[in-house]
Amino acid sequence: MTYLLTKTLHLLFVMAWMAAVFYLPRILVNVAETRDEAAVQRRLHLMGRRLYKFGHYMFGIAFVLGLALWQGWRIFPGVLPNVIGSMHWIDAKLALVAALLIYFSWCGRLLKRSEAGGALPSSLALRWINELPVLLLIGALYLVLARPF
């Protein structure tokens, strides 16, 4: 029961974090497209800051729960099973998660640069950049579901 509850909460917080990962670049697109509208830009920056903070909280909780699923059996062997064993798909999945975290942090830096008056990439470039996390997430989902190695 503890394992399923931990896994359910991990998935819930991963989904919340991914919502922030997907939406923050979209806010950047809107910022890039509203350069002449100061009031709209202020609102978008505020939304972006709040979303960035929310995303980091969600990632932190998802990370702790994921760590419990991955290594919790060492601390609570009677409660949490060793579901990974000697499989190495988890290494590839964690690399993709790290790439997603770097991407999210980079988007946060772009937001901070924009707030300080710095330039953003074009809205077209930001639209293309916005698609990157989808590819990374598809890879992570495949690894979790198929466990190919």
Protein backbone atom coordinates (compact mmCIF):
# COMPACT_ATOMS: atom_id res chain seq x y z
CA MET A 1 0.00 0.00 0.00
CA THR A 2 2.80 2.42 0.87
CA TYR A 3 4.51 1.70 -2.45
CA LEU A 4 1.38 2.44 -4.50
CA LEU A 5 0.65 5.62 -2.54
CA THR A 6 4.24 6.83 -2.99
CA LYS A 7 4.15 6.03 -6.70
CA THR A 8 0.78 7.77 -7.13
CA LEU A 9 1.99 10.91 -5.39
CA HIS A 10 5.23 10.84 -7.39
CA LEU A 11 3.24 10.73 -10.64
CA LEU A 12 0.93 13.52 -9.45
CA PHE A 13 3.83 15.85 -8.68
CA VAL A 14 5.64 14.90 -11.89
CA MET A 15 2.52 15.88 -13.85
CA ALA A 16 2.30 19.18 -12.00
CA TRP A 17 5.96 19.89 -12.72
CA MET A 18 5.56 18.98 -16.38
CA ALA A 19 2.66 21.43 -16.63
CA ALA A 20 5.07 24.15 -15.52
CA VAL A 21 7.77 22.87 -17.90
CA PHE A 22 5.32 23.07 -20.80
CA TYR A 23 3.74 26.41 -19.92
CA LEU A 24 6.73 28.54 -18.92
CA PRO A 25 8.15 28.65 -22.48
CA ARG A 26 4.68 29.58 -23.73
CA ILE A 27 4.72 32.56 -21.38
CA LEU A 28 8.10 33.49 -22.87
CA VAL A 29 6.57 33.36 -26.37
CA ASN A 30 3.87 35.76 -25.20
CA VAL A 31 6.46 38.06 -23.63
CA ALA A 32 8.41 38.12 -26.89
CA GLU A 33 5.25 38.95 -28.85
CA THR A 34 4.13 41.81 -26.56
CA ARG A 35 7.29 43.92 -26.49
CA ASP A 36 5.36 47.18 -26.88
CA GLU A 37 2.82 46.50 -24.13
CA ALA A 38 4.40 47.20 -20.73
CA ALA A 39 1.33 46.31 -18.64
CA VAL A 40 0.92 42.98 -20.40
CA GLN A 41 4.62 42.25 -20.01
CA ARG A 42 4.48 42.96 -16.27
CA ARG A 43 1.55 40.56 -15.91
CA LEU A 44 3.32 37.88 -17.94
CA HIS A 45 6.52 38.27 -15.93
CA LEU A 46 4.51 37.92 -12.72
CA MET A 47 2.81 34.81 -14.05
CA GLY A 48 6.15 33.41 -15.18
CA ARG A 49 7.83 34.02 -11.81
CA ARG A 50 4.97 32.33 -9.96
CA LEU A 51 4.93 29.40 -12.36
CA TYR A 52 8.71 29.01 -12.13
CA LYS A 53 8.54 28.92 -8.33
CA PHE A 54 5.60 26.49 -8.42
CA GLY A 55 7.52 24.26 -10.86
CA HIS A 56 10.52 24.09 -8.59
CA TYR A 57 8.36 23.10 -5.62
CA MET A 58 6.66 20.41 -7.67
CA PHE A 59 10.00 19.11 -8.93
CA GLY A 60 11.39 18.97 -5.40
CA ILE A 61 8.48 16.94 -4.08
CA ALA A 62 8.49 14.65 -7.15
CA PHE A 63 12.25 14.19 -6.73
CA VAL A 64 11.98 13.17 -3.07
CA LEU A 65 9.17 10.73 -3.83
CA GLY A 66 11.07 9.35 -6.82
CA LEU A 67 14.15 8.91 -4.66
CA ALA A 68 12.03 6.99 -2.17
CA LEU A 69 10.78 4.73 -4.97
CA TRP A 70 14.27 4.24 -6.35
CA GLN A 71 16.28 3.77 -3.16
CA GLY A 72 13.66 3.53 -0.41
CA TRP A 73 13.95 -0.23 -0.19
CA ARG A 74 17.40 0.25 1.35
CA ILE A 75 15.93 2.26 4.24
CA PHE A 76 12.51 0.58 4.52
CA PRO A 77 13.02 -2.95 3.13
CA GLY A 78 9.74 -4.25 4.52
CA VAL A 79 7.66 -1.38 3.15
CA LEU A 80 9.16 -0.39 -0.21
CA PRO A 81 10.23 -3.11 -2.69
CA ASN A 82 13.32 -3.00 -4.87
CA VAL A 83 11.55 -2.42 -8.17
CA ILE A 84 14.66 -1.44 -10.13
CA GLY A 85 17.04 -4.28 -9.35
CA SER A 86 19.97 -4.30 -11.74
CA MET A 87 18.06 -2.63 -14.57
CA HIS A 88 19.72 0.35 -16.23
CA TRP A 89 16.73 2.03 -17.88
CA ILE A 90 16.53 4.17 -14.75
CA ASP A 91 19.92 5.70 -15.56
CA ALA A 92 18.72 6.83 -18.97
CA LYS A 93 15.44 8.09 -17.50
CA LEU A 94 17.28 10.11 -14.86
CA ALA A 95 19.47 11.62 -17.59
CA LEU A 96 16.32 12.76 -19.42
CA VAL A 97 14.88 14.16 -16.19
CA ALA A 98 18.14 16.06 -15.63
CA ALA A 99 17.88 17.44 -19.17
CA LEU A 100 14.29 18.55 -18.44
CA LEU A 101 15.42 20.25 -15.24
CA ILE A 102 18.23 22.05 -17.08
CA TYR A 103 15.74 23.12 -19.75
CA PHE A 104 13.30 24.41 -17.12
CA SER A 105 16.07 26.31 -15.31
CA TRP A 106 17.23 27.81 -18.62
CA CYS A 107 13.68 29.02 -19.31
CA GLY A 108 13.68 30.59 -15.84
CA ARG A 109 16.92 32.40 -16.69
CA LEU A 110 15.37 33.67 -19.92
CA LEU A 111 12.44 34.99 -17.90
CA LYS A 112 14.74 36.75 -15.44
CA ARG A 113 16.77 38.22 -18.30
CA SER A 114 13.58 39.49 -19.90
CA GLU A 115 12.44 41.07 -16.63
CA ALA A 116 15.77 42.88 -16.41
CA GLY A 117 15.24 44.30 -19.89
CA GLY A 118 17.35 41.80 -21.76
CA ALA A 119 16.48 40.40 -25.14
CA LEU A 120 14.72 37.10 -25.73
CA PRO A 121 15.08 34.87 -28.76
CA SER A 122 12.44 35.48 -31.43
CA SER A 123 8.95 34.21 -30.78
CA LEU A 124 9.41 31.70 -33.61
CA ALA A 125 12.58 30.34 -32.00
CA LEU A 126 10.81 30.17 -28.64
CA ARG A 127 7.94 28.24 -30.26
CA TRP A 128 10.42 25.65 -31.54
CA ILE A 129 12.21 25.55 -28.19
CA ASN A 130 8.80 24.97 -26.58
CA GLU A 131 8.58 21.56 -28.30
CA LEU A 132 11.80 20.14 -26.84
CA PRO A 133 10.36 18.95 -23.50
CA VAL A 134 7.72 16.90 -25.34
CA LEU A 135 10.46 14.82 -26.96
CA LEU A 136 12.31 14.39 -23.67
CA LEU A 137 9.11 13.38 -21.89
CA ILE A 138 8.24 10.82 -24.58
CA GLY A 139 11.68 9.28 -24.07
CA ALA A 140 11.27 9.16 -20.30
CA LEU A 141 7.79 7.66 -20.54
CA TYR A 142 9.01 5.00 -22.96
CA LEU A 143 11.83 4.06 -20.62
CA VAL A 144 9.51 3.79 -17.62
CA LEU A 145 6.86 1.76 -19.43
CA ALA A 146 8.99 -0.50 -21.65
CA ARG A 147 12.05 -0.88 -19.39
CA PRO A 148 14.11 -1.87 -22.42
CA PHE A 149 17.36 -2.58 -20.58
